[in-house]
Protein backbone atom coordinates (compact mmCIF):
# COMPACT_ATOMS: atom_id res chain seq x y z
CA MET A 1 98.36 71.46 95.62
CA ILE A 2 100.16 73.89 93.31
CA LEU A 3 98.87 77.44 93.61
CA GLN A 4 97.42 78.62 90.32
CA LEU A 5 96.43 82.25 89.92
CA LYS A 6 94.59 84.08 87.19
CA ILE A 7 93.55 87.68 86.61
CA VAL A 8 90.30 88.84 85.04
CA PRO A 9 89.31 92.38 84.00
CA ALA A 10 86.82 93.61 86.58
CA LYS A 11 84.23 94.53 83.93
CA ARG A 12 83.95 90.81 83.09
CA CYS A 13 83.46 89.78 86.72
CA SER A 14 80.21 89.37 88.62
CA LYS A 15 79.03 92.06 91.00
CA GLN A 16 79.43 89.57 93.83
CA ASP A 17 83.12 89.08 93.00
CA ILE A 18 83.69 92.82 92.62
CA THR A 19 82.12 93.37 96.03
CA ALA A 20 84.47 90.72 97.48
CA ALA A 21 87.46 92.40 95.80
CA LEU A 22 86.49 95.83 97.11
CA ASP A 23 86.14 94.36 100.60
CA ILE A 24 89.82 93.30 100.31
CA TYR A 25 90.62 96.81 99.05
CA CYS A 26 88.89 98.49 102.01
CA LYS A 27 90.63 96.30 104.57
CA SER A 28 94.15 96.74 103.17
CA THR A 29 94.30 100.33 101.89
CA ASP A 30 95.63 103.14 104.08
CA PRO A 31 92.81 105.48 105.20
CA GLY A 32 94.53 108.52 103.68
CA SER A 33 94.66 106.87 100.25
CA TRP A 34 91.09 105.59 100.15
CA THR A 35 88.84 106.27 97.13
CA ASP A 36 85.05 105.97 97.42
CA THR A 37 84.11 102.43 96.35
CA ASN A 38 80.96 103.72 94.65
CA GLN A 39 83.15 105.79 92.34
CA ILE A 40 85.36 102.76 91.61
CA CYS A 41 82.28 100.66 90.77
CA ASP A 42 81.02 103.43 88.52
CA HIS A 43 84.27 103.35 86.51
CA ILE A 44 84.15 99.54 86.30
CA TRP A 45 80.53 99.12 85.27
CA ASN A 46 80.21 102.28 83.16
CA SER A 47 83.64 102.15 81.52
CA GLN A 48 82.18 103.05 78.10
CA ALA A 49 81.21 106.48 79.48
CA TYR A 50 84.88 107.32 80.08
CA ARG A 51 86.38 106.09 76.79
CA ALA A 52 86.74 109.68 75.52
CA GLU A 53 89.15 110.56 78.35
CA PRO A 54 92.85 110.59 77.36
CA ARG A 55 93.92 108.43 80.29
CA GLN A 56 92.81 104.80 80.46
CA MET A 57 91.73 102.98 83.61
CA PHE A 58 92.41 99.29 84.23
CA PHE A 59 90.75 97.24 86.99
CA TYR A 60 91.61 93.58 87.61
CA LEU A 61 90.58 90.88 90.08
CA LEU A 62 92.90 88.08 91.22
CA TYR A 63 91.52 84.53 91.56
CA ASP A 64 93.02 81.35 93.03
CA ASN A 65 92.54 77.69 92.00
CA ASP A 66 89.09 77.47 93.59
CA GLY A 67 87.80 80.63 91.94
CA THR A 68 88.03 82.60 95.18
CA VAL A 69 88.75 86.32 94.82
CA GLU A 70 92.19 87.00 96.29
CA GLY A 71 92.94 90.55 95.17
CA PHE A 72 91.99 93.84 93.52
CA SER A 73 94.07 96.23 91.43
CA GLU A 74 93.58 99.63 89.81
CA PHE A 75 95.98 101.16 87.28
CA ALA A 76 95.85 104.26 85.06
CA TYR A 77 97.74 104.89 81.82
CA LEU A 78 98.82 108.48 81.01
CA PRO A 79 99.57 108.64 77.27
CA GLU A 80 101.42 111.98 77.05
CA ASN A 81 104.31 110.83 79.25
CA ARG A 82 103.69 107.09 78.70
CA VAL A 83 103.29 106.49 82.42
CA LEU A 84 101.46 103.56 84.01
CA VAL A 85 100.22 104.61 87.45
CA LEU A 86 99.76 101.97 90.13
CA ASP A 87 96.83 103.28 92.17
CA TYR A 88 95.98 100.15 94.17
CA LEU A 89 97.16 96.56 94.34
CA CYS A 90 95.63 94.65 97.23
CA THR A 91 95.62 90.98 98.20
CA ARG A 92 93.59 89.21 100.86
CA GLN A 93 96.76 88.58 102.85
CA ARG A 94 99.95 90.63 102.63
CA ASN A 95 101.90 87.91 100.91
CA HIS A 96 104.98 88.53 98.75
CA VAL A 97 104.19 85.66 96.37
CA LEU A 98 100.64 86.89 95.76
CA PHE A 99 101.78 90.50 95.39
CA TYR A 100 104.54 89.89 92.85
CA ASN A 101 102.49 87.45 90.77
CA PHE A 102 99.50 89.78 90.73
CA TYR A 103 101.68 92.78 89.91
CA HIS A 104 103.49 91.15 86.97
CA MET A 105 100.39 89.50 85.55
CA VAL A 106 98.50 92.80 85.50
CA VAL A 107 101.38 94.90 84.13
CA CYS A 108 101.99 92.36 81.34
CA GLU A 109 98.28 92.22 80.50
CA ILE A 110 98.01 96.03 80.36
CA GLN A 111 101.19 96.26 78.30
CA GLU A 112 99.87 93.83 75.71
CA SER A 113 96.53 95.61 75.59
CA LEU A 114 98.20 98.99 75.01
CA LYS A 115 100.50 97.61 72.31
CA LYS A 116 97.45 96.67 70.23
CA GLU A 117 96.59 100.38 70.23
CA GLY A 118 100.14 101.45 69.38
CA LYS A 119 100.78 102.71 72.92
CA PHE A 120 103.76 101.91 75.12
CA ILE A 121 104.77 102.19 78.78
CA GLN A 122 107.99 104.07 79.56
CA PHE A 123 107.60 104.62 83.31
CA LEU A 124 105.76 102.93 86.17
CA LEU A 125 104.70 105.29 88.96
CA THR A 126 103.03 105.07 92.35
CA GLU A 127 102.30 107.32 95.35
CA LEU A 128 103.57 106.52 98.84
CA SER A 129 102.20 108.07 102.00
CA LEU A 130 104.45 110.09 104.31
CA THR A 131 102.01 110.11 107.23
CA SER A 132 104.07 109.67 110.38
CA ALA A 133 103.82 109.57 114.17
CA ASN A 134 106.67 109.64 116.67
CA GLY A 135 109.20 109.67 113.83
CA GLN A 136 107.81 106.54 112.13
CA LEU A 137 105.87 106.16 108.89
CA ILE A 138 102.55 104.66 109.96
CA ASP A 139 100.64 103.88 106.75
CA ILE A 140 101.15 100.12 106.50
CA ASP A 141 100.23 99.70 102.85
CA SER A 142 102.70 102.38 101.70
CA ASN A 143 105.48 100.89 103.82
CA TYR A 144 104.69 97.49 102.30
CA PHE A 145 104.91 99.01 98.81
CA ARG A 146 108.23 100.71 99.61
CA HIS A 147 109.75 97.38 100.51
CA LEU A 148 108.30 95.18 97.77
CA LEU A 149 108.53 97.64 94.87
CA SER A 150 112.20 98.25 95.62
CA ASN A 151 112.77 94.73 94.25
CA GLU A 152 111.11 95.91 91.03
CA ASN A 153 113.75 98.68 90.69
CA TYR A 154 111.48 101.51 91.81
CA LYS A 155 113.26 104.64 93.03
CA LEU A 156 112.00 107.44 95.27
CA LEU A 157 111.67 110.79 93.52
CA LYS A 158 112.74 113.43 96.02
CA TYR A 159 110.97 116.33 94.31
CA PRO A 160 108.04 117.90 96.22
CA TYR A 161 104.73 116.13 95.67
CA TYR A 162 101.25 116.39 97.22
CA GLN A 163 98.39 113.95 96.70
CA PRO A 164 95.17 115.79 95.80
CA PRO A 165 92.35 115.14 98.30
CA LEU A 166 90.53 111.90 97.53
CA LEU A 167 87.46 112.83 99.58
CA PRO A 168 85.59 116.17 99.93
CA HIS A 169 86.96 118.50 102.62
CA ASP A 170 90.24 116.57 102.89
CA GLU A 171 93.52 118.46 102.65
CA ALA A 172 96.32 117.72 100.22
CA LYS A 173 99.03 115.70 101.98
CA GLU A 174 102.71 115.36 101.21
CA PHE A 175 103.54 112.05 99.52
CA ASN A 176 106.52 110.40 97.86
CA LEU A 177 106.40 109.43 94.22
CA ALA A 178 108.23 106.20 93.39
CA ILE A 179 109.17 105.55 89.76
CA ALA A 180 110.67 102.77 87.65
CA ILE A 181 111.67 102.43 83.99
CA ASN A 182 109.52 99.76 82.38
CA GLY A 183 111.53 96.60 81.80
CA ALA A 184 114.84 98.09 82.95
CA SER A 185 117.25 96.32 85.29
CA ASP A 186 118.75 97.89 88.39
CA GLU A 187 121.93 98.72 86.47
CA VAL A 188 120.11 101.09 84.09
CA PRO A 189 120.42 104.69 85.38
CA LEU A 190 117.22 106.68 85.76
CA PHE A 191 117.51 110.31 84.67
CA LEU A 192 114.58 112.65 85.20
CA SER A 193 114.88 116.42 84.79
CA ALA A 194 112.81 118.91 86.77
CA SER A 195 110.88 119.89 83.62
CA GLN A 196 110.08 116.27 82.82
CA TYR A 197 108.97 115.73 86.39
CA LEU A 198 106.60 118.70 86.22
CA SER A 199 105.18 117.37 82.95
CA ILE A 200 104.41 114.00 84.58
CA VAL A 201 102.84 115.61 87.66
CA LYS A 202 100.67 117.94 85.55
CA GLU A 203 99.36 115.03 83.50
CA LEU A 204 98.78 113.00 86.67
CA TYR A 205 96.81 115.85 88.25
CA ILE A 206 94.82 116.97 85.20
CA SER A 207 94.29 113.77 83.18
CA HIS A 208 93.88 111.44 86.15
CA TYR A 209 92.72 113.22 89.31
CA LEU A 210 90.79 116.08 87.71
CA ALA A 211 89.24 113.76 85.10
CA TRP A 212 88.03 111.58 87.97
CA TYR A 213 86.76 114.47 90.12
CA LYS A 214 84.67 116.16 87.43
CA ASN A 215 82.30 113.17 87.33
CA TYR A 216 81.34 113.50 90.99
CA PRO A 217 79.71 116.67 92.41
CA GLY A 218 81.26 117.91 95.62
CA MET A 219 84.80 116.77 94.83
CA GLY A 220 87.11 119.75 95.15
CA ASP A 221 89.61 120.84 92.51
CA THR A 222 92.96 121.82 93.99
CA THR A 223 95.11 120.68 91.09
CA ASP A 224 96.04 124.16 89.78
CA LYS A 225 97.08 125.32 93.26
CA LEU A 226 99.12 122.17 93.83
CA ILE A 227 100.90 122.51 90.46
CA ASP A 228 101.82 126.13 91.32
CA ARG A 229 102.96 125.05 94.79
CA ILE A 230 105.21 122.31 93.43
CA ALA A 231 106.64 124.61 90.73
CA HIS A 232 107.42 127.21 93.45
CA GLU A 233 109.00 124.68 95.83
CA LEU A 234 111.02 122.88 93.16
CA VAL A 235 114.77 123.41 93.40
CA GLN A 236 115.30 125.00 89.98
CA ASN A 237 119.00 125.81 90.14
CA LYS A 238 119.93 122.59 88.33
CA GLU A 239 118.24 120.13 86.01
CA SER A 240 118.75 117.55 88.70
CA TYR A 241 116.96 114.27 89.39
CA PRO A 242 116.87 113.57 93.13
CA ILE A 243 116.20 109.83 93.15
CA ALA A 244 116.98 107.36 95.92
CA LEU A 245 116.97 103.58 96.16
CA VAL A 246 113.99 102.26 98.09
CA GLN A 247 115.46 98.96 99.30
CA CYS A 248 115.32 98.63 103.06
CA LYS A 249 113.67 95.84 105.06
CA LEU A 250 112.86 98.20 107.92
CA PHE A 251 110.36 100.07 105.73
CA ASP A 252 107.79 97.47 106.80
CA GLU A 253 108.19 98.89 110.31
CA GLY A 254 107.89 102.49 109.16
CA GLN A 255 111.51 103.47 109.62
CA CYS A 256 114.85 103.05 107.91
CA PRO A 257 118.13 104.66 109.05
CA LYS A 258 119.71 104.17 105.61
CA ILE A 259 117.25 106.12 103.47
CA THR A 260 115.47 109.42 104.03
CA VAL A 261 112.01 109.71 102.46
CA GLU A 262 111.74 113.48 102.89
CA ASN A 263 111.14 115.27 99.60
CA ILE A 264 113.49 118.11 98.62
CA THR A 265 111.69 121.47 98.48
CA LEU A 266 113.20 124.90 97.93
CA GLU A 267 112.59 125.86 101.57
CA ARG A 268 114.20 122.66 102.87
CA TYR A 269 117.08 123.13 100.45
CA ARG A 270 117.71 126.65 101.82
CA LYS A 271 117.49 125.47 105.43
CA LYS A 272 119.93 122.66 104.71
CA LYS A 273 122.28 125.13 103.02
CA TRP A 274 122.20 127.46 106.03
CA LYS A 275 122.67 124.47 108.31
CA ARG A 276 125.95 123.82 106.51
CA ILE A 277 127.08 127.44 106.40
CA LEU A 278 126.21 128.50 109.98
CA PRO A 279 128.82 126.33 111.80
CA ILE A 280 131.50 127.62 109.42
CA LEU A 281 130.49 131.25 110.10
CA ILE A 282 130.60 130.62 113.87
CA TRP A 283 134.00 128.97 113.58
CA SER A 284 135.33 131.84 111.43
CA GLY A 285 134.08 134.41 113.93
CA LEU A 286 135.71 132.61 116.85
CA ALA A 287 138.94 132.19 114.87
CA ILE A 288 139.09 135.95 114.21
CA LEU A 289 138.31 136.66 117.88
CA THR A 290 141.06 134.29 118.99
CA PHE A 291 143.54 135.98 116.67
CA ILE A 292 142.66 139.41 118.10
CA VAL A 293 142.95 138.13 121.67
CA CYS A 294 146.34 136.58 120.95
CA VAL A 295 147.70 139.73 119.28
CA LEU A 296 146.49 142.29 121.84
CA PRO A 297 148.46 142.12 125.11
CA ILE A 298 145.59 143.44 127.25
CA PHE A 299 143.95 140.03 127.40
CA SER A 300 145.05 137.42 129.93
CA ASN A 301 146.34 133.95 129.13
CA ALA A 302 143.13 132.43 130.53
CA VAL A 303 140.98 134.36 128.03
CA THR A 304 143.32 133.34 125.20
CA ILE A 305 143.10 129.66 126.19
CA LEU A 306 139.29 129.86 126.47
CA CYS A 307 138.97 131.44 123.01
CA SER A 308 141.30 128.82 121.55
CA PHE A 309 139.24 126.04 123.12
CA LEU A 310 135.98 127.50 121.74
CA THR A 311 137.55 127.81 118.28
CA ILE A 312 138.63 124.16 118.32
CA LEU A 313 135.18 123.12 119.55
CA ALA A 314 133.44 125.14 116.82
CA GLY A 315 135.76 123.58 114.24
CA VAL A 316 134.90 120.08 115.42
CA ILE A 317 131.17 120.90 115.25
CA SER A 318 131.62 122.22 111.70
CA VAL A 319 133.47 119.08 110.58
CA VAL A 320 130.84 116.78 112.15
CA SER A 321 128.01 118.82 110.60
CA LEU A 322 129.55 118.70 107.14
CA ARG A 323 130.28 114.97 107.50
CA ASN A 324 126.62 114.28 108.43
CA ASP A 325 125.38 116.29 105.45
CA PHE A 326 127.79 114.51 103.10
CA PHE A 327 126.76 111.04 104.21
CA GLY A 328 123.07 111.94 104.41
CA ALA A 329 122.74 111.44 108.15
């Protein structure tokens, strides 16, 4: 039998099907990225109450031939920066065919819906967890997204980013943001300045997270603090766009030797800079010391040889250090 899939806006689905879809969501979503299902249901069933908000929410269910619920998705559209945010896309089984079909069907449906209102999508954006243990990324859903979305030309933004707490009393955690140009091929370069990045993050925090939080008592508001933190940590010396390819099969296993997922913050930038400079300073100091030892006759040949050896060793360490930095090791 040929697999036939269809998507239906959640507001048109029965409560029984929505419950089945949210069961899939609960079983497949990383714990650190989990939103209260009661809040999700509130946005689905009371969507008219949120029509005045600038951002638009989209919830879809995926069905197979037999009418069985196979997936759940949640997207948000941010009009100021024309960004479509992928919050959740879950299928009953982690299956590439189901994922890609569901993803494209929903994005196309949202795109057509927005066009009728004179709105357009420029960027697609999603958050990826950086939770790790023993040097490996351990959030399965985010690793799955890293792998699959790389085939949709998503790139990792290396600017600092922190996901606001999704539950009361949680702390903000460091995340990656992955971004793609809507409809662009892999050959199209993606340029994003620091100021444009801050604009996207501010709209994400204020128009999406804060707009969601204000409807539920007890949800904390850390958005202003996080915006200030990111602005302080951002490497401002250049209008750069630290973006990396996400393609690596080992992301499913939580590790990849080819790509680093660590975001670039001002503190890390300074540490990396000193890491490059320090070996050169040590080598320069030893070189000067060796020169002095060689010129002054009071030192023995053994001391001169030792200093020369240490200078050569320091030089080798400097070269290896610079090579590792250059190749991103």
